[in-house]
Structure formats: C-alpha cells, structure tokens
C-alpha cells in the first residue's frame, strides 16, 4: 500500500468523538529531550483534566551486565540503581516547574515492556515520549519510540526536543476510515485548545494512473479528472464537518492533493506548511509490523521532522501492552 490514501465509504454518524484524555503517562530518561516531552504532557494534562504520572525504566540488560562484572560484595546493584534514579529524578524534576509533585515509578525491565506495563497499570489513554531521529538529524524517530507506537494500546505522542511551547500548526492524515475520523477528532481537540491551525489532509492516487496502456486524455479527460477531484473534496468537506461544528472558531483547512503527481507524502506536506504536530490513525489489525501500523504510519515515523501523535483504532489489543 502506498502512502497515498484512497477514498472509501464514510464512517457512520454513530462514530462518536473520543472523550478528552483522562490518564497520561510520560516516559523519562532524564535527558533534555524527555524534559521537553514531560513539559508537553503537563500542559496537555492541564487543559484536558487528565491525571499524569511519570515512568523511568532501567534496562534489564544493563543491570544483568553490571551484576555479572561486580563482586559478590557488590550485589546490591538493583537497589543502588533505583536509588540513583530517584536522585536523578529529583534533580530533573526540580528544573521543570510543577514536575516535582508528580508521581513517578522507577522499575527494572525491558525498556519497551516496562513503559507499556506502566501505561497499562495507569489505564493510560495517552503515552508521551521524547524522541529524536537516529538516522539523520531531525528526521524520523528512534527504536524505543517506534516500538511503543506499534505495541501501545493507548495513543502515543512522540515529542520533538524542539517543541518548546503549544502546537501552532497541526496536520492530520485522513483516509475516510473510522480510525482516521478518531485521529481527526483528536487533532481538532488539540488544535482548538492550543489555538493552532488544523490541516485535514487527504492524499490520493488517481486510479487511472495504475493503467499502463492508453493515453491519459482517452482514459481520463481533464473534465473527468476535475470531477474526480471535486468529488473527493466534497467527501472531505462532509467528513470534516462534524469536527468543525464541534469546535466553533477552529481554524480548519481541508486539503486534497494528488500524491503521485506532486510526489507528496504526509511528512512532506507537514514540512511544507511548517507543522509542529502530525496526527494519524494507525491500522492495527495484526501483529505483522507493516500491517500493524500500515505503510502510511511507518513512512511518517521514518520521515517526520515534527512531533507525531499516533492514534490507535478502537479495540486495538497487543499482548505486551496488556500486561501479558
């Protein structure tokens, strides 16, 4: 499946807007990047009324390696590491106004499993992580962040270390599915609270481009191409109308674009309009990596230059995130 989204039947009107986030978990490793993420989580919790807790996971493999090289007289490695982490948290939290009052849990585990376990125990509907690219500067996200996106049963917000304040321009990918409607509602909630401009983006591949024979003019004359695009624009306007009605004053732009002609992806569009947050729904139907997220989400995670909110479909389940 290409990143371009193709139209399908509109979700039924029975699909309700998700409630505001109620429980948020912020992961931290005491780095400046995670400090930015924690600040963002605190701000979102303040305007959503959500509870907020913090988790720090000490990687099990580090502990095992330390225990292997230390003598029998120094076997209190785990307790010492936990005490050191608590001290690090106190210093870290002191630099972020209001953070010292937050509950924090420090545990030894696989980093991914430990973070998801805490989110499950806290009944979190949003997991917030600081993230930065590990391929080239300011592009894509690291392995811990993307693994949590794939496996988490809650939405996951990956915050760039450059995101110092409220989001100002939000782009949400729309493919007319129920999950993208949920993502649209989430994006609208954030944009409305932050005073941001919201771009609802539908990328399409014109169906006639898949044919390898015949002239374009014979297969799809200009008037038919225009009619096809007009139909998509009407469908997008109808799809976004409930969100616009739910948030009076929301600065909303509904955009249809031909991905094939303009060689455009969601991350490209977000960069072009200077977005600081991209929101997208994930597919989440199987445990296979590509289908778990879908190629669109995979590409956004690999190419995004801004923060990303991955919205999970209703009823998504993963054994690791469920504490199994």
Protein backbone atom coordinates (compact mmCIF):
# COMPACT_ATOMS: atom_id res chain seq x y z
CA UNK A 1 0.00 0.00 0.00
CA UNK A 2 1.37 3.40 -0.95
CA UNK A 3 1.22 6.38 1.34
CA UNK A 4 -1.46 7.96 -0.82
CA UNK A 5 -4.87 7.39 0.72
CA UNK A 6 -7.81 6.19 -1.33
CA UNK A 7 -11.46 7.05 -0.67
CA UNK A 8 -13.87 4.58 0.85
CA UNK A 9 -17.27 4.69 2.48
CA UNK A 10 -17.69 7.38 5.08
CA UNK A 11 -17.87 6.22 8.70
CA UNK A 12 -21.39 6.10 10.09
CA UNK A 13 -22.67 9.01 12.14
CA UNK A 14 -22.71 6.67 15.15
CA UNK A 15 -18.93 7.04 15.50
CA UNK A 16 -18.62 9.41 18.43
CA UNK A 17 -15.84 11.85 19.12
CA UNK A 18 -13.43 10.40 21.69
CA UNK A 19 -13.54 11.92 25.15
CA UNK A 20 -10.68 14.12 26.28
CA UNK A 21 -7.67 12.22 27.57
CA UNK A 22 -8.19 11.06 31.16
CA UNK A 23 -4.88 9.42 32.07
CA UNK A 24 -1.47 10.36 30.66
CA UNK A 25 1.84 8.61 31.22
CA UNK A 26 5.09 10.39 30.39
CA UNK A 27 8.23 8.34 29.98
CA UNK A 28 11.52 9.90 31.01
CA UNK A 29 15.22 9.08 30.82
CA UNK A 30 16.22 12.42 32.42
CA UNK A 31 17.54 13.81 29.11
CA UNK A 32 16.70 17.30 27.80
CA UNK A 33 14.56 15.62 25.14
CA UNK A 34 12.42 13.88 27.75
CA UNK A 35 12.19 17.14 29.73
CA UNK A 36 10.52 18.76 26.72
CA UNK A 37 8.16 15.79 26.42
CA UNK A 38 7.25 15.97 30.11
CA UNK A 39 6.51 19.68 29.81
CA UNK A 40 4.21 18.95 26.87
CA UNK A 41 2.48 16.17 28.81
CA UNK A 42 1.93 18.51 31.76
CA UNK A 43 0.41 21.15 29.51
CA UNK A 44 -1.93 18.66 27.82
CA UNK A 45 -2.94 17.25 31.21
CA UNK A 46 -3.74 20.75 32.45
CA UNK A 47 -6.20 21.59 29.68
CA UNK A 48 -7.66 18.07 29.34
CA UNK A 49 -8.10 17.49 33.07
CA UNK A 50 -6.17 14.21 32.84
CA UNK A 51 -4.12 12.62 35.60
CA UNK A 52 -0.40 12.45 34.83
CA UNK A 53 2.24 10.02 36.07
CA UNK A 54 5.88 9.52 35.13
CA UNK A 55 7.78 6.31 34.40
CA UNK A 56 11.51 5.66 34.21
CA UNK A 57 12.65 2.19 33.14
CA UNK A 58 16.15 0.92 33.87
CA UNK A 59 17.03 -1.54 31.12
CA UNK A 60 17.29 -5.10 32.43
CA UNK A 61 20.27 -5.89 30.21
CA UNK A 62 22.28 -3.09 31.82
CA UNK A 63 21.55 -4.46 35.28
CA UNK A 64 22.48 -8.01 34.31
CA UNK A 65 25.77 -6.89 32.78
CA UNK A 66 26.65 -4.86 35.87
CA UNK A 67 25.84 -7.75 38.19
CA UNK A 68 27.98 -10.06 36.09
CA UNK A 69 31.11 -7.95 36.45
CA UNK A 70 30.71 -6.91 40.09
CA UNK A 71 31.91 -8.98 43.00
CA UNK A 72 29.71 -10.83 45.46
CA UNK A 73 30.18 -7.93 47.89
CA UNK A 74 28.51 -5.52 45.47
CA UNK A 75 25.34 -7.39 44.64
CA UNK A 76 23.07 -4.54 45.68
CA UNK A 77 23.24 -3.19 42.11
CA UNK A 78 19.49 -3.09 41.62
CA UNK A 79 18.81 -1.17 44.82
CA UNK A 80 21.68 1.19 44.15
CA UNK A 81 20.50 1.86 40.59
CA UNK A 82 16.96 2.53 41.80
CA UNK A 83 18.27 4.95 44.45
CA UNK A 84 20.44 6.69 41.85
CA UNK A 85 17.45 7.00 39.52
CA UNK A 86 15.32 8.51 42.30
CA UNK A 87 18.04 11.07 42.97
CA UNK A 88 18.30 11.81 39.25
CA UNK A 89 14.52 12.29 39.10
CA UNK A 90 14.59 14.77 41.97
CA UNK A 91 17.25 16.85 40.19
CA UNK A 92 15.48 16.52 36.86
CA UNK A 93 12.04 17.43 38.21
CA UNK A 94 13.41 20.47 40.03
CA UNK A 95 14.22 22.03 36.64
CA UNK A 96 10.61 21.70 35.39
CA UNK A 97 8.01 23.82 37.20
CA UNK A 98 5.41 21.59 38.86
CA UNK A 99 7.10 18.29 37.97
CA UNK A 100 8.30 17.51 41.49
CA UNK A 101 4.70 16.93 42.62
CA UNK A 102 4.09 14.23 40.00
CA UNK A 103 4.04 10.55 40.97
CA UNK A 104 7.00 8.69 39.44
CA UNK A 105 7.62 4.96 39.15
CA UNK A 106 11.10 3.55 38.65
CA UNK A 107 11.36 -0.04 37.55
CA UNK A 108 13.84 -2.51 36.08
CA UNK A 109 12.58 -4.17 32.95
CA UNK A 110 12.94 -4.30 29.22
CA UNK A 111 12.52 -0.63 28.33
CA UNK A 112 9.59 -1.17 25.97
CA UNK A 113 7.81 -3.72 28.16
CA UNK A 114 8.35 -1.59 31.27
CA UNK A 115 6.92 1.53 29.67
CA UNK A 116 3.88 -0.27 28.29
CA UNK A 117 3.37 -2.08 31.60
CA UNK A 118 3.22 1.23 33.46
CA UNK A 119 0.81 2.67 30.89
CA UNK A 120 -1.42 -0.39 31.30
CA UNK A 121 -1.36 -0.17 35.10
CA UNK A 122 -2.21 3.53 34.96
CA UNK A 123 -5.04 2.87 32.46
CA UNK A 124 -3.42 5.49 30.28
CA UNK A 125 -5.11 6.63 27.10
CA UNK A 126 -2.03 8.66 26.11
CA UNK A 127 1.66 7.79 26.36
CA UNK A 128 4.08 10.71 25.87
CA UNK A 129 7.72 10.16 24.96
CA UNK A 130 10.56 12.42 23.97
CA UNK A 131 12.01 11.32 20.67
CA UNK A 132 14.69 12.17 18.19
CA UNK A 133 15.82 10.62 14.92
CA UNK A 134 18.60 8.07 14.81
CA UNK A 135 19.17 8.09 11.07
CA UNK A 136 19.88 11.69 10.15
CA UNK A 137 19.37 14.96 12.06
CA UNK A 138 15.80 15.92 12.89
CA UNK A 139 14.19 13.15 10.81
CA UNK A 140 12.42 10.01 11.97
CA UNK A 141 12.28 8.51 15.45
CA UNK A 142 14.35 6.03 17.41
CA UNK A 143 13.63 2.37 18.01
CA UNK A 144 12.11 2.70 21.51
CA UNK A 145 9.65 5.35 20.35
CA UNK A 146 8.54 3.49 17.24
CA UNK A 147 8.27 0.18 19.13
CA UNK A 148 5.96 1.82 21.67
CA UNK A 149 3.85 3.24 18.84
CA UNK A 150 3.47 -0.23 17.33
CA UNK A 151 2.60 -2.05 20.55
CA UNK A 152 0.86 0.51 22.78
CA UNK A 153 -2.89 0.13 23.16
CA UNK A 154 -3.13 3.82 24.01
CA UNK A 155 -2.39 6.76 21.73
CA UNK A 156 1.28 7.73 21.65
CA UNK A 157 2.64 11.26 21.37
CA UNK A 158 6.28 11.48 20.27
CA UNK A 159 7.58 14.95 21.11
CA UNK A 160 10.49 16.58 19.32
CA UNK A 161 13.06 18.24 21.56
CA UNK A 162 12.50 21.43 19.56
CA UNK A 163 8.83 21.64 20.62
CA UNK A 164 9.11 24.21 23.41
CA UNK A 165 5.54 25.54 23.55
CA UNK A 166 1.99 24.99 22.28
CA UNK A 167 1.43 23.42 18.88
CA UNK A 168 0.70 26.05 16.23
CA UNK A 169 0.13 24.05 13.04
CA UNK A 170 -1.34 20.55 13.11
CA UNK A 171 -1.64 18.20 10.12
CA UNK A 172 -3.90 15.14 10.30
CA UNK A 173 -3.96 12.43 7.64
CA UNK A 174 -7.47 11.43 6.53
CA UNK A 175 -8.47 8.34 4.53
CA UNK A 176 -12.19 8.37 5.45
CA UNK A 177 -11.85 5.38 7.79
CA UNK A 178 -13.20 5.24 11.34
CA UNK A 179 -9.66 5.39 12.73
CA UNK A 180 -8.83 8.49 10.72
CA UNK A 181 -12.06 10.05 11.98
CA UNK A 182 -10.85 9.37 15.53
CA UNK A 183 -7.49 10.91 14.61
CA UNK A 184 -9.28 13.92 13.16
CA UNK A 185 -11.22 14.42 16.39
CA UNK A 186 -8.02 14.13 18.45
CA UNK A 187 -6.24 16.61 16.18
CA UNK A 188 -9.17 19.02 16.44
CA UNK A 189 -9.22 18.78 20.25
CA UNK A 190 -5.55 19.70 20.39
CA UNK A 191 -5.78 22.44 17.75
CA UNK A 192 -8.80 24.01 19.45
CA UNK A 193 -7.12 24.05 22.88
CA UNK A 194 -3.78 25.27 21.52
CA UNK A 195 -5.22 27.84 19.11
CA UNK A 196 -3.49 26.02 16.25
CA UNK A 197 -4.38 25.84 12.58
CA UNK A 198 -5.55 22.37 11.58
CA UNK A 199 -4.92 20.88 8.14
CA UNK A 200 -7.07 17.83 7.33
CA UNK A 201 -5.08 16.23 4.51
CA UNK A 202 -6.33 13.59 2.11
CA UNK A 203 -3.72 12.30 -0.33
CA UNK A 204 -4.94 10.28 -3.28
CA UNK A 205 -3.55 8.32 -6.19
CA UNK A 206 -5.74 8.85 -9.24
CA UNK A 207 -6.99 5.37 -10.25
CA UNK A 208 -6.27 5.85 -13.95
CA UNK A 209 -2.56 6.17 -13.21
CA UNK A 210 -2.36 2.45 -12.45
CA UNK A 211 -3.03 1.63 -16.11
CA UNK A 212 -0.03 1.06 -18.37
CA UNK A 213 -1.90 1.43 -21.64
CA UNK A 214 -3.91 4.08 -23.46
CA UNK A 215 -3.47 7.83 -23.36
CA UNK A 216 -4.42 9.79 -20.28
CA UNK A 217 -6.70 12.01 -22.37
CA UNK A 218 -8.60 8.98 -23.64
CA UNK A 219 -8.88 7.27 -20.26
CA UNK A 220 -9.50 10.34 -18.09
CA UNK A 221 -10.08 13.62 -19.91
CA UNK A 222 -9.39 16.81 -17.99
CA UNK A 223 -13.06 17.30 -17.11
CA UNK A 224 -13.29 13.81 -15.60
CA UNK A 225 -10.09 14.36 -13.62
CA UNK A 226 -11.56 17.57 -12.26
CA UNK A 227 -14.85 15.82 -11.43
CA UNK A 228 -12.98 13.08 -9.55
CA UNK A 229 -11.07 15.64 -7.50
CA UNK A 230 -14.23 17.67 -6.87
CA UNK A 231 -15.91 14.52 -5.55
CA UNK A 232 -13.05 13.90 -3.13
CA UNK A 233 -13.13 17.50 -1.95
CA UNK A 234 -16.87 17.25 -1.27
CA UNK A 235 -16.34 13.97 0.59
CA UNK A 236 -13.58 15.55 2.68
CA UNK A 237 -15.74 18.59 3.46
CA UNK A 238 -18.53 16.29 4.62
CA UNK A 239 -16.10 14.17 6.63
CA UNK A 240 -14.67 17.18 8.48
CA UNK A 241 -17.98 18.99 9.04
CA UNK A 242 -18.81 17.36 12.42
CA UNK A 243 -15.40 18.36 13.75
CA UNK A 244 -15.81 21.94 12.56
CA UNK A 245 -19.26 22.08 14.17
CA UNK A 246 -17.92 20.66 17.44
CA UNK A 247 -15.20 23.32 17.69
CA UNK A 248 -16.56 26.74 16.68
CA UNK A 249 -13.76 29.06 15.70
CA UNK A 250 -11.40 26.21 14.81
CA UNK A 251 -9.01 27.25 12.06
CA UNK A 252 -9.58 24.26 9.76
CA UNK A 253 -8.27 23.68 6.25
CA UNK A 254 -9.46 20.64 4.29
CA UNK A 255 -6.85 19.75 1.66
CA UNK A 256 -6.98 17.16 -1.14
CA UNK A 257 -3.77 16.55 -3.03
CA UNK A 258 -2.59 14.15 -5.73
CA UNK A 259 0.32 12.33 -4.12
CA UNK A 260 1.51 10.78 -7.37
CA UNK A 261 1.60 14.00 -9.38
CA UNK A 262 3.19 16.07 -6.61
CA UNK A 263 5.40 13.28 -5.21
CA UNK A 264 3.95 14.20 -1.85
CA UNK A 265 3.73 12.34 1.45
CA UNK A 266 2.20 13.42 4.75
CA UNK A 267 5.62 14.23 6.21
CA UNK A 268 6.46 16.28 3.10
CA UNK A 269 3.23 18.25 3.38
CA UNK A 270 3.77 18.82 7.12
CA UNK A 271 7.26 20.17 6.42
CA UNK A 272 5.94 22.39 3.64
CA UNK A 273 3.37 24.10 5.88
CA UNK A 274 5.69 24.27 8.89
CA UNK A 275 3.65 21.88 11.03
CA UNK A 276 4.87 21.11 14.53
CA UNK A 277 2.49 18.16 15.01
CA UNK A 278 1.34 15.40 12.65
CA UNK A 279 -1.61 13.25 13.71
CA UNK A 280 -2.53 9.97 12.07
CA UNK A 281 -4.53 6.86 12.76
CA UNK A 282 -2.78 3.50 12.81
CA UNK A 283 -4.15 0.38 11.23
CA UNK A 284 -3.51 -2.15 13.98
CA UNK A 285 -5.08 -5.31 12.58
CA UNK A 286 -2.34 -7.90 13.04
CA UNK A 287 0.99 -8.39 14.73
CA UNK A 288 2.87 -8.08 11.46
CA UNK A 289 4.92 -4.90 11.55
CA UNK A 290 3.81 -3.35 8.26
CA UNK A 291 0.13 -4.14 8.75
CA UNK A 292 0.23 -3.27 12.44
CA UNK A 293 0.83 0.37 11.60
CA UNK A 294 0.24 0.49 7.88
CA UNK A 295 2.73 1.81 5.38
CA UNK A 296 1.46 5.38 5.80
CA UNK A 297 2.23 5.44 9.52
CA UNK A 298 5.54 3.66 9.01
CA UNK A 299 6.60 6.26 6.47
CA UNK A 300 5.56 9.19 8.69
CA UNK A 301 7.56 7.79 11.61
CA UNK A 302 10.58 7.35 9.34
CA UNK A 303 10.41 10.78 7.69
CA UNK A 304 8.71 13.19 10.09
CA UNK A 305 10.55 16.34 11.13
CA UNK A 306 7.96 17.30 13.74
CA UNK A 307 6.17 15.72 16.69
CA UNK A 308 3.76 12.87 15.89
CA UNK A 309 0.56 11.72 17.60
CA UNK A 310 -0.32 8.13 16.65
CA UNK A 311 -4.00 7.41 17.33
CA UNK A 312 -4.95 3.79 17.89
CA UNK A 313 -8.13 2.22 16.47
CA UNK A 314 -10.93 1.33 18.84
CA UNK A 315 -10.41 -2.08 20.41
CA UNK A 316 -6.74 -2.40 19.47
CA UNK A 317 -5.02 -5.08 21.55
CA UNK A 318 -1.41 -6.13 21.94
CA UNK A 319 -0.34 -8.80 24.47
CA UNK A 320 2.71 -6.87 25.68
CA UNK A 321 0.73 -3.67 26.25
CA UNK A 322 -1.99 -5.67 28.01
CA UNK A 323 0.49 -6.94 30.59
CA UNK A 324 0.60 -10.46 29.15
